[in-house]
Full PDB file with SEQRES, HELIX, SHEET, SSBOND, CRYST1, ORIGX, SCALE, CONECT and MASTER records, all heavy atoms in Angstrom:
SEQRES   1 A   35  LEU THR PRO ILE LEU VAL LEU PRO GLN LEU PHE ALA GLY          
SEQRES   2 A   35  PHE ALA LEU GLY PHE LEU ARG ILE ARG PHE GLY LEU ARG          
SEQRES   3 A   35  TRP SER VAL PHE LEU HIS CYS ILE TYR                          
HELIX    1 AA1 THR A    2  LEU A    5  1                                   4    
HELIX    2 AA2 LEU A    7  PHE A   23  1                                  17    
HELIX    3 AA3 LEU A   25  ILE A   34  1                                  10    
CRYST1    1.000    1.000    1.000  90.00  90.00  90.00 P 1           1          
ORIGX1      1.000000  0.000000  0.000000        0.00000                         
ORIGX2      0.000000  1.000000  0.000000        0.00000                         
ORIGX3      0.000000  0.000000  1.000000        0.00000                         
SCALE1      1.000000  0.000000  0.000000        0.00000                         
SCALE2      0.000000  1.000000  0.000000        0.00000                         
SCALE3      0.000000  0.000000  1.000000        0.00000                         
ATOM      1  N   LEU A   1      91.738  99.466 140.235  1.00  0.00           N  
ATOM      2  CA  LEU A   1      90.389  99.789 139.842  1.00  0.00           C  
ATOM      3  C   LEU A   1      90.128 101.324 139.792  1.00  0.00           C  
ATOM      4  O   LEU A   1      88.961 101.719 139.534  1.00  0.00           O  
ATOM      5  CB  LEU A   1      89.343  99.163 140.824  1.00  0.00           C  
ATOM      6  CG  LEU A   1      89.307  97.645 140.861  1.00  0.00           C  
ATOM      7  CD1 LEU A   1      88.501  97.150 141.898  1.00  0.00           C  
ATOM      8  CD2 LEU A   1      88.763  97.154 139.441  1.00  0.00           C  
ATOM      9  N   THR A   2      91.166 102.093 139.999  1.00  0.00           N  
ATOM     10  CA  THR A   2      91.045 103.525 140.019  1.00  0.00           C  
ATOM     11  C   THR A   2      90.247 104.143 138.887  1.00  0.00           C  
ATOM     12  O   THR A   2      89.329 104.909 139.117  1.00  0.00           O  
ATOM     13  CB  THR A   2      92.457 104.231 140.116  1.00  0.00           C  
ATOM     14  OG1 THR A   2      92.986 103.769 141.367  1.00  0.00           O  
ATOM     15  CG2 THR A   2      92.335 105.652 140.085  1.00  0.00           C  
ATOM     16  N   PRO A   3      90.457 103.733 137.663  1.00  0.00           N  
ATOM     17  CA  PRO A   3      89.748 104.327 136.550  1.00  0.00           C  
ATOM     18  C   PRO A   3      88.156 104.185 136.598  1.00  0.00           C  
ATOM     19  O   PRO A   3      87.412 104.998 136.237  1.00  0.00           O  
ATOM     20  CB  PRO A   3      90.304 103.650 135.395  1.00  0.00           C  
ATOM     21  CG  PRO A   3      91.595 103.142 135.631  1.00  0.00           C  
ATOM     22  CD  PRO A   3      91.600 102.772 137.160  1.00  0.00           C  
ATOM     23  N   ILE A   4      87.914 103.022 137.246  1.00  0.00           N  
ATOM     24  CA  ILE A   4      86.434 102.723 137.494  1.00  0.00           C  
ATOM     25  C   ILE A   4      85.952 103.394 138.674  1.00  0.00           C  
ATOM     26  O   ILE A   4      84.797 104.025 138.672  1.00  0.00           O  
ATOM     27  CB  ILE A   4      86.226 101.194 137.598  1.00  0.00           C  
ATOM     28  CG1 ILE A   4      86.488 100.443 136.268  1.00  0.00           C  
ATOM     29  CG2 ILE A   4      84.797 100.903 137.974  1.00  0.00           C  
ATOM     30  CD1 ILE A   4      86.632  99.054 136.381  1.00  0.00           C  
ATOM     31  N   LEU A   5      86.627 103.412 139.769  1.00  0.00           N  
ATOM     32  CA  LEU A   5      86.205 104.032 141.093  1.00  0.00           C  
ATOM     33  C   LEU A   5      86.026 105.575 141.001  1.00  0.00           C  
ATOM     34  O   LEU A   5      85.274 106.009 141.812  1.00  0.00           O  
ATOM     35  CB  LEU A   5      87.211 103.609 142.192  1.00  0.00           C  
ATOM     36  CG  LEU A   5      87.246 102.101 142.462  1.00  0.00           C  
ATOM     37  CD1 LEU A   5      88.283 101.853 143.479  1.00  0.00           C  
ATOM     38  CD2 LEU A   5      85.926 101.543 142.873  1.00  0.00           C  
ATOM     39  N   VAL A   6      86.786 106.082 140.067  1.00  0.00           N  
ATOM     40  CA  VAL A   6      86.615 107.656 140.093  1.00  0.00           C  
ATOM     41  C   VAL A   6      85.803 108.141 138.817  1.00  0.00           C  
ATOM     42  O   VAL A   6      85.657 109.360 138.552  1.00  0.00           O  
ATOM     43  CB  VAL A   6      88.065 108.349 140.000  1.00  0.00           C  
ATOM     44  CG1 VAL A   6      88.823 108.029 141.274  1.00  0.00           C  
ATOM     45  CG2 VAL A   6      88.764 107.982 138.705  1.00  0.00           C  
ATOM     46  N   LEU A   7      85.247 107.178 138.193  1.00  0.00           N  
ATOM     47  CA  LEU A   7      84.288 107.514 137.073  1.00  0.00           C  
ATOM     48  C   LEU A   7      83.231 108.692 137.396  1.00  0.00           C  
ATOM     49  O   LEU A   7      83.039 109.641 136.626  1.00  0.00           O  
ATOM     50  CB  LEU A   7      83.614 106.390 136.465  1.00  0.00           C  
ATOM     51  CG  LEU A   7      84.450 105.617 135.461  1.00  0.00           C  
ATOM     52  CD1 LEU A   7      83.664 104.319 134.957  1.00  0.00           C  
ATOM     53  CD2 LEU A   7      84.770 106.332 134.167  1.00  0.00           C  
ATOM     54  N   PRO A   8      82.585 108.503 138.561  1.00  0.00           N  
ATOM     55  CA  PRO A   8      81.492 109.601 138.868  1.00  0.00           C  
ATOM     56  C   PRO A   8      82.179 110.942 139.041  1.00  0.00           C  
ATOM     57  O   PRO A   8      81.639 111.992 138.434  1.00  0.00           O  
ATOM     58  CB  PRO A   8      80.919 109.092 140.213  1.00  0.00           C  
ATOM     59  CG  PRO A   8      81.207 107.685 140.343  1.00  0.00           C  
ATOM     60  CD  PRO A   8      82.585 107.512 139.576  1.00  0.00           C  
ATOM     61  N   GLN A   9      83.233 111.069 139.691  1.00  0.00           N  
ATOM     62  CA  GLN A   9      83.948 112.290 139.780  1.00  0.00           C  
ATOM     63  C   GLN A   9      84.649 112.786 138.483  1.00  0.00           C  
ATOM     64  O   GLN A   9      84.712 113.979 138.239  1.00  0.00           O  
ATOM     65  CB  GLN A   9      85.085 112.281 140.960  1.00  0.00           C  
ATOM     66  CG  GLN A   9      84.481 111.966 142.349  1.00  0.00           C  
ATOM     67  CD  GLN A   9      84.189 110.514 142.667  1.00  0.00           C  
ATOM     68  OE1 GLN A   9      84.539 109.651 141.794  1.00  0.00           O  
ATOM     69  NE2 GLN A   9      83.695 110.378 143.761  1.00  0.00           N  
ATOM     70  N   LEU A  10      85.083 111.922 137.660  1.00  0.00           N  
ATOM     71  CA  LEU A  10      85.610 112.245 136.400  1.00  0.00           C  
ATOM     72  C   LEU A  10      84.557 112.896 135.599  1.00  0.00           C  
ATOM     73  O   LEU A  10      84.729 113.965 134.909  1.00  0.00           O  
ATOM     74  CB  LEU A  10      86.225 111.083 135.674  1.00  0.00           C  
ATOM     75  CG  LEU A  10      86.905 111.294 134.340  1.00  0.00           C  
ATOM     76  CD1 LEU A  10      88.078 112.257 134.521  1.00  0.00           C  
ATOM     77  CD2 LEU A  10      87.509 110.035 133.865  1.00  0.00           C  
ATOM     78  N   PHE A  11      83.375 112.138 135.499  1.00  0.00           N  
ATOM     79  CA  PHE A  11      82.249 112.658 134.672  1.00  0.00           C  
ATOM     80  C   PHE A  11      81.782 114.155 135.246  1.00  0.00           C  
ATOM     81  O   PHE A  11      81.600 115.052 134.475  1.00  0.00           O  
ATOM     82  CB  PHE A  11      81.144 111.757 134.758  1.00  0.00           C  
ATOM     83  CG  PHE A  11      80.032 112.213 133.791  1.00  0.00           C  
ATOM     84  CD1 PHE A  11      79.955 111.718 132.576  1.00  0.00           C  
ATOM     85  CD2 PHE A  11      78.956 112.913 134.289  1.00  0.00           C  
ATOM     86  CE1 PHE A  11      78.905 112.224 131.630  1.00  0.00           C  
ATOM     87  CE2 PHE A  11      77.829 113.244 133.428  1.00  0.00           C  
ATOM     88  CZ  PHE A  11      77.823 112.952 132.172  1.00  0.00           C  
ATOM     89  N   ALA A  12      81.721 114.125 136.440  1.00  0.00           N  
ATOM     90  CA  ALA A  12      81.307 115.324 137.291  1.00  0.00           C  
ATOM     91  C   ALA A  12      82.366 116.497 136.906  1.00  0.00           C  
ATOM     92  O   ALA A  12      81.985 117.695 136.606  1.00  0.00           O  
ATOM     93  CB  ALA A  12      81.118 115.265 138.774  1.00  0.00           C  
ATOM     94  N   GLY A  13      83.626 116.167 136.873  1.00  0.00           N  
ATOM     95  CA  GLY A  13      84.708 117.171 136.600  1.00  0.00           C  
ATOM     96  C   GLY A  13      84.588 117.746 135.194  1.00  0.00           C  
ATOM     97  O   GLY A  13      84.779 118.991 135.009  1.00  0.00           O  
ATOM     98  N   PHE A  14      84.160 116.893 134.254  1.00  0.00           N  
ATOM     99  CA  PHE A  14      83.988 117.403 132.830  1.00  0.00           C  
ATOM    100  C   PHE A  14      82.677 118.287 132.824  1.00  0.00           C  
ATOM    101  O   PHE A  14      82.591 119.329 132.255  1.00  0.00           O  
ATOM    102  CB  PHE A  14      83.692 116.267 131.899  1.00  0.00           C  
ATOM    103  CG  PHE A  14      85.105 115.517 131.537  1.00  0.00           C  
ATOM    104  CD1 PHE A  14      85.214 114.198 131.545  1.00  0.00           C  
ATOM    105  CD2 PHE A  14      86.238 116.281 131.168  1.00  0.00           C  
ATOM    106  CE1 PHE A  14      86.417 113.643 131.389  1.00  0.00           C  
ATOM    107  CE2 PHE A  14      87.444 115.666 130.870  1.00  0.00           C  
ATOM    108  CZ  PHE A  14      87.563 114.317 130.970  1.00  0.00           C  
ATOM    109  N   ALA A  15      81.600 117.896 133.576  1.00  0.00           N  
ATOM    110  CA  ALA A  15      80.322 118.642 133.630  1.00  0.00           C  
ATOM    111  C   ALA A  15      80.708 120.006 134.249  1.00  0.00           C  
ATOM    112  O   ALA A  15      80.157 121.023 133.898  1.00  0.00           O  
ATOM    113  CB  ALA A  15      79.324 117.898 134.329  1.00  0.00           C  
ATOM    114  N   LEU A  16      81.336 120.007 135.344  1.00  0.00           N  
ATOM    115  CA  LEU A  16      81.714 121.273 136.240  1.00  0.00           C  
ATOM    116  C   LEU A  16      82.575 122.101 135.277  1.00  0.00           C  
ATOM    117  O   LEU A  16      82.332 123.405 135.318  1.00  0.00           O  
ATOM    118  CB  LEU A  16      82.427 120.900 137.464  1.00  0.00           C  
ATOM    119  CG  LEU A  16      81.502 120.078 138.535  1.00  0.00           C  
ATOM    120  CD1 LEU A  16      82.474 119.556 139.541  1.00  0.00           C  
ATOM    121  CD2 LEU A  16      80.439 121.045 139.026  1.00  0.00           C  
ATOM    122  N   GLY A  17      83.555 121.624 134.551  1.00  0.00           N  
ATOM    123  CA  GLY A  17      84.450 122.367 133.761  1.00  0.00           C  
ATOM    124  C   GLY A  17      83.642 123.051 132.639  1.00  0.00           C  
ATOM    125  O   GLY A  17      83.780 124.153 132.227  1.00  0.00           O  
ATOM    126  N   PHE A  18      82.655 122.226 132.034  1.00  0.00           N  
ATOM    127  CA  PHE A  18      81.883 122.778 130.989  1.00  0.00           C  
ATOM    128  C   PHE A  18      81.014 123.945 131.504  1.00  0.00           C  
ATOM    129  O   PHE A  18      81.018 125.028 130.811  1.00  0.00           O  
ATOM    130  CB  PHE A  18      80.878 121.647 130.574  1.00  0.00           C  
ATOM    131  CG  PHE A  18      79.692 122.010 129.596  1.00  0.00           C  
ATOM    132  CD1 PHE A  18      80.017 122.275 128.244  1.00  0.00           C  
ATOM    133  CD2 PHE A  18      78.456 122.272 130.050  1.00  0.00           C  
ATOM    134  CE1 PHE A  18      79.029 122.802 127.406  1.00  0.00           C  
ATOM    135  CE2 PHE A  18      77.421 122.624 129.070  1.00  0.00           C  
ATOM    136  CZ  PHE A  18      77.819 122.872 127.888  1.00  0.00           C  
ATOM    137  N   LEU A  19      80.354 123.858 132.589  1.00  0.00           N  
ATOM    138  CA  LEU A  19      79.641 124.993 133.139  1.00  0.00           C  
ATOM    139  C   LEU A  19      80.496 126.089 133.608  1.00  0.00           C  
ATOM    140  O   LEU A  19      80.181 127.328 133.320  1.00  0.00           O  
ATOM    141  CB  LEU A  19      78.822 124.498 134.473  1.00  0.00           C  
ATOM    142  CG  LEU A  19      77.409 123.908 134.237  1.00  0.00           C  
ATOM    143  CD1 LEU A  19      76.819 123.726 135.569  1.00  0.00           C  
ATOM    144  CD2 LEU A  19      76.607 124.777 133.285  1.00  0.00           C  
ATOM    145  N   ARG A  20      81.613 125.904 134.095  1.00  0.00           N  
ATOM    146  CA  ARG A  20      82.597 126.962 134.477  1.00  0.00           C  
ATOM    147  C   ARG A  20      82.981 127.837 133.302  1.00  0.00           C  
ATOM    148  O   ARG A  20      82.924 128.966 133.340  1.00  0.00           O  
ATOM    149  CB  ARG A  20      83.821 126.300 135.091  1.00  0.00           C  
ATOM    150  CG  ARG A  20      84.708 127.281 135.878  1.00  0.00           C  
ATOM    151  CD  ARG A  20      85.724 127.987 134.824  1.00  0.00           C  
ATOM    152  NE  ARG A  20      86.601 128.885 135.605  1.00  0.00           N  
ATOM    153  CZ  ARG A  20      86.509 130.136 135.658  1.00  0.00           C  
ATOM    154  NH1 ARG A  20      85.332 130.723 135.212  1.00  0.00           N  
ATOM    155  NH2 ARG A  20      87.385 130.874 136.260  1.00  0.00           N  
ATOM    156  N   ILE A  21      83.199 127.203 132.286  1.00  0.00           N  
ATOM    157  CA  ILE A  21      83.653 127.931 130.986  1.00  0.00           C  
ATOM    158  C   ILE A  21      82.555 128.575 130.365  1.00  0.00           C  
ATOM    159  O   ILE A  21      82.557 129.773 130.041  1.00  0.00           O  
ATOM    160  CB  ILE A  21      84.482 127.056 130.000  1.00  0.00           C  
ATOM    161  CG1 ILE A  21      85.641 126.389 130.585  1.00  0.00           C  
ATOM    162  CG2 ILE A  21      84.774 127.679 128.648  1.00  0.00           C  
ATOM    163  CD1 ILE A  21      86.693 127.391 131.195  1.00  0.00           C  
ATOM    164  N   ARG A  22      81.470 127.881 130.189  1.00  0.00           N  
ATOM    165  CA  ARG A  22      80.281 128.453 129.479  1.00  0.00           C  
ATOM    166  C   ARG A  22      79.541 129.486 130.206  1.00  0.00           C  
ATOM    167  O   ARG A  22      79.105 130.519 129.601  1.00  0.00           O  
ATOM    168  CB  ARG A  22      79.295 127.325 129.167  1.00  0.00           C  
ATOM    169  CG  ARG A  22      79.934 126.163 128.277  1.00  0.00           C  
ATOM    170  CD  ARG A  22      80.459 126.576 126.878  1.00  0.00           C  
ATOM    171  NE  ARG A  22      79.137 126.722 126.131  1.00  0.00           N  
ATOM    172  CZ  ARG A  22      79.134 127.573 125.012  1.00  0.00           C  
ATOM    173  NH1 ARG A  22      80.097 128.058 124.515  1.00  0.00           N  
ATOM    174  NH2 ARG A  22      78.001 127.638 124.368  1.00  0.00           N  
ATOM    175  N   PHE A  23      79.411 129.449 131.614  1.00  0.00           N  
ATOM    176  CA  PHE A  23      78.689 130.346 132.476  1.00  0.00           C  
ATOM    177  C   PHE A  23      79.404 131.078 133.495  1.00  0.00           C  
ATOM    178  O   PHE A  23      78.898 132.079 134.028  1.00  0.00           O  
ATOM    179  CB  PHE A  23      77.482 129.509 133.119  1.00  0.00           C  
ATOM    180  CG  PHE A  23      76.525 128.955 132.116  1.00  0.00           C  
ATOM    181  CD1 PHE A  23      75.743 127.941 132.512  1.00  0.00           C  
ATOM    182  CD2 PHE A  23      76.322 129.370 130.772  1.00  0.00           C  
ATOM    183  CE1 PHE A  23      74.779 127.381 131.679  1.00  0.00           C  
ATOM    184  CE2 PHE A  23      75.481 128.752 129.926  1.00  0.00           C  
ATOM    185  CZ  PHE A  23      74.590 127.782 130.341  1.00  0.00           C  
ATOM    186  N   GLY A  24      80.581 130.616 133.788  1.00  0.00           N  
ATOM    187  CA  GLY A  24      81.320 131.193 134.969  1.00  0.00           C  
ATOM    188  C   GLY A  24      81.535 130.355 136.099  1.00  0.00           C  
ATOM    189  O   GLY A  24      80.718 129.421 136.279  1.00  0.00           O  
ATOM    190  N   LEU A  25      82.386 130.755 137.095  1.00  0.00           N  
ATOM    191  CA  LEU A  25      82.731 129.886 138.183  1.00  0.00           C  
ATOM    192  C   LEU A  25      81.642 129.638 139.154  1.00  0.00           C  
ATOM    193  O   LEU A  25      81.431 128.535 139.652  1.00  0.00           O  
ATOM    194  CB  LEU A  25      83.867 130.485 138.898  1.00  0.00           C  
ATOM    195  CG  LEU A  25      84.475 129.729 140.097  1.00  0.00           C  
ATOM    196  CD1 LEU A  25      85.013 128.362 139.616  1.00  0.00           C  
ATOM    197  CD2 LEU A  25      85.492 130.563 140.778  1.00  0.00           C  
ATOM    198  N   ARG A  26      80.799 130.651 139.371  1.00  0.00           N  
ATOM    199  CA  ARG A  26      79.657 130.462 140.298  1.00  0.00           C  
ATOM    200  C   ARG A  26      78.775 129.404 139.877  1.00  0.00           C  
ATOM    201  O   ARG A  26      78.218 128.695 140.669  1.00  0.00           O  
ATOM    202  CB  ARG A  26      78.920 131.788 140.571  1.00  0.00           C  
ATOM    203  CG  ARG A  26      77.841 132.121 139.507  1.00  0.00           C  
ATOM    204  CD  ARG A  26      77.193 133.394 139.806  1.00  0.00           C  
ATOM    205  NE  ARG A  26      77.862 134.319 138.940  1.00  0.00           N  
ATOM    206  CZ  ARG A  26      77.566 135.533 138.776  1.00  0.00           C  
ATOM    207  NH1 ARG A  26      76.482 136.040 139.336  1.00  0.00           N  
ATOM    208  NH2 ARG A  26      78.174 136.403 137.915  1.00  0.00           N  
ATOM    209  N   TRP A  27      78.627 129.159 138.510  1.00  0.00           N  
ATOM    210  CA  TRP A  27      77.713 128.128 138.137  1.00  0.00           C  
ATOM    211  C   TRP A  27      78.358 126.657 138.308  1.00  0.00           C  
ATOM    212  O   TRP A  27      77.551 125.720 138.702  1.00  0.00           O  
ATOM    213  CB  TRP A  27      77.282 128.322 136.557  1.00  0.00           C  
ATOM    214  CG  TRP A  27      76.497 129.471 136.521  1.00  0.00           C  
ATOM    215  CD1 TRP A  27      76.874 130.723 136.207  1.00  0.00           C  
ATOM    216  CD2 TRP A  27      75.066 129.459 136.597  1.00  0.00           C  
ATOM    217  NE1 TRP A  27      75.808 131.659 136.199  1.00  0.00           N  
ATOM    218  CE2 TRP A  27      74.663 130.843 136.524  1.00  0.00           C  
ATOM    219  CE3 TRP A  27      74.075 128.541 136.802  1.00  0.00           C  
ATOM    220  CZ2 TRP A  27      73.322 131.197 136.454  1.00  0.00           C  
ATOM    221  CZ3 TRP A  27      72.786 128.925 136.985  1.00  0.00           C  
ATOM    222  CH2 TRP A  27      72.415 130.285 136.783  1.00  0.00           C  
ATOM    223  N   SER A  28      79.609 126.547 138.203  1.00  0.00           N  
ATOM    224  CA  SER A  28      80.290 125.204 138.536  1.00  0.00           C  
ATOM    225  C   SER A  28      80.160 125.018 140.027  1.00  0.00           C  
ATOM    226  O   SER A  28      79.933 123.899 140.501  1.00  0.00           O  
ATOM    227  CB  SER A  28      81.669 125.162 138.006  1.00  0.00           C  
ATOM    228  OG  SER A  28      82.484 126.039 138.701  1.00  0.00           O  
ATOM    229  N   VAL A  29      80.265 126.053 140.803  1.00  0.00           N  
ATOM    230  CA  VAL A  29      80.112 125.942 142.255  1.00  0.00           C  
ATOM    231  C   VAL A  29      78.732 125.435 142.621  1.00  0.00           C  
ATOM    232  O   VAL A  29      78.457 124.529 143.478  1.00  0.00           O  
ATOM    233  CB  VAL A  29      80.497 127.222 143.032  1.00  0.00           C  
ATOM    234  CG1 VAL A  29      80.144 127.205 144.432  1.00  0.00           C  
ATOM    235  CG2 VAL A  29      81.930 127.591 142.816  1.00  0.00           C  
ATOM    236  N   PHE A  30      77.691 126.066 141.902  1.00  0.00           N  
ATOM    237  CA  PHE A  30      76.270 125.772 142.159  1.00  0.00           C  
ATOM    238  C   PHE A  30      76.210 124.315 141.888  1.00  0.00           C  
ATOM    239  O   PHE A  30      75.359 123.560 142.679  1.00  0.00           O  
ATOM    240  CB  PHE A  30      75.328 126.561 141.354  1.00  0.00           C  
ATOM    241  CG  PHE A  30      75.147 127.995 141.732  1.00  0.00           C  
ATOM    242  CD1 PHE A  30      74.737 128.844 140.777  1.00  0.00           C  
ATOM    243  CD2 PHE A  30      75.452 128.432 142.946  1.00  0.00           C  
ATOM    244  CE1 PHE A  30      74.659 130.307 141.077  1.00  0.00           C  
ATOM    245  CE2 PHE A  30      75.352 129.813 143.307  1.00  0.00           C  
ATOM    246  CZ  PHE A  30      74.858 130.671 142.319  1.00  0.00           C  
ATOM    247  N   LEU A  31      76.586 123.851 140.767  1.00  0.00           N  
ATOM    248  CA  LEU A  31      76.357 122.409 140.349  1.00  0.00           C  
ATOM    249  C   LEU A  31      77.017 121.556 141.405  1.00  0.00           C  
ATOM    250  O   LEU A  31      76.443 120.458 141.693  1.00  0.00           O  
ATOM    251  CB  LEU A  31      76.834 122.098 139.010  1.00  0.00           C  
ATOM    252  CG  LEU A  31      76.727 120.602 138.388  1.00  0.00           C  
ATOM    253  CD1 LEU A  31      75.343 120.137 138.549  1.00  0.00           C  
ATOM    254  CD2 LEU A  31      77.234 120.549 137.044  1.00  0.00           C  
ATOM    255  N   HIS A  32      78.287 121.856 141.734  1.00  0.00           N  
ATOM    256  CA  HIS A  32      78.992 121.133 142.680  1.00  0.00           C  
ATOM    257  C   HIS A  32      78.292 120.856 143.975  1.00  0.00           C  
ATOM    258  O   HIS A  32      78.189 119.783 144.597  1.00  0.00           O  
ATOM    259  CB  HIS A  32      80.493 121.576 142.811  1.00  0.00           C  
ATOM    260  CG  HIS A  32      81.420 120.619 143.328  1.00  0.00           C  
ATOM    261  ND1 HIS A  32      82.638 120.655 142.987  1.00  0.00           N  
ATOM    262  CD2 HIS A  32      81.403 119.581 144.172  1.00  0.00           C  
ATOM    263  CE1 HIS A  32      83.384 119.714 143.633  1.00  0.00           C  
ATOM    264  NE2 HIS A  32      82.592 118.955 144.326  1.00  0.00           N  
ATOM    265  N   CYS A  33      77.793 121.955 144.412  1.00  0.00           N  
ATOM    266  CA  CYS A  33      77.028 121.961 145.702  1.00  0.00           C  
ATOM    267  C   CYS A  33      75.697 121.191 145.683  1.00  0.00           C  
ATOM    268  O   CYS A  33      75.512 120.268 146.468  1.00  0.00           O  
ATOM    269  CB  CYS A  33      76.622 123.424 146.167  1.00  0.00           C  
ATOM    270  SG  CYS A  33      78.102 124.491 146.705  1.00  0.00           S  
ATOM    271  N   ILE A  34      75.010 121.321 144.603  1.00  0.00           N  
ATOM    272  CA  ILE A  34      73.713 120.494 144.365  1.00  0.00           C  
ATOM    273  C   ILE A  34      74.090 119.054 144.332  1.00  0.00           C  
ATOM    274  O   ILE A  34      73.377 118.166 144.915  1.00  0.00           O  
ATOM    275  CB  ILE A  34      73.101 121.001 143.113  1.00  0.00           C  
ATOM    276  CG1 ILE A  34      72.478 122.456 143.320  1.00  0.00           C  
ATOM    277  CG2 ILE A  34      71.977 120.097 142.730  1.00  0.00           C  
ATOM    278  CD1 ILE A  34      72.059 123.079 142.013  1.00  0.00           C  
ATOM    279  N   TYR A  35      75.171 118.761 143.551  1.00  0.00           N  
ATOM    280  CA  TYR A  35      75.599 117.446 143.229  1.00  0.00           C  
ATOM    281  C   TYR A  35      75.955 116.774 144.670  1.00  0.00           C  
ATOM    282  O   TYR A  35      75.420 115.708 145.115  1.00  0.00           O  
ATOM    283  CB  TYR A  35      76.789 117.321 142.466  1.00  0.00           C  
ATOM    284  CG  TYR A  35      77.499 115.948 142.140  1.00  0.00           C  
ATOM    285  CD1 TYR A  35      76.965 115.341 140.884  1.00  0.00           C  
ATOM    286  CD2 TYR A  35      78.418 115.407 142.921  1.00  0.00           C  
ATOM    287  CE1 TYR A  35      77.597 113.991 140.622  1.00  0.00           C  
ATOM    288  CE2 TYR A  35      79.087 114.245 142.659  1.00  0.00           C  
ATOM    289  CZ  TYR A  35      78.594 113.494 141.481  1.00  0.00           C  
ATOM    290  OH  TYR A  35      79.209 112.331 141.220  1.00  0.00           O  
TER     291      TYR A  35                                                      
MASTER        0    0    0    3    0    0    0    6  290    1    0    3          
END                                                                             
């Protein structure tokens, strides 16, 4: 069930990567902390 069980973190990983590239590392850290 791994593909299903890690879906939230996989989605978050894409969102964090998006912010990291578009705005910088501190923004992915902010989102990760808030999450």
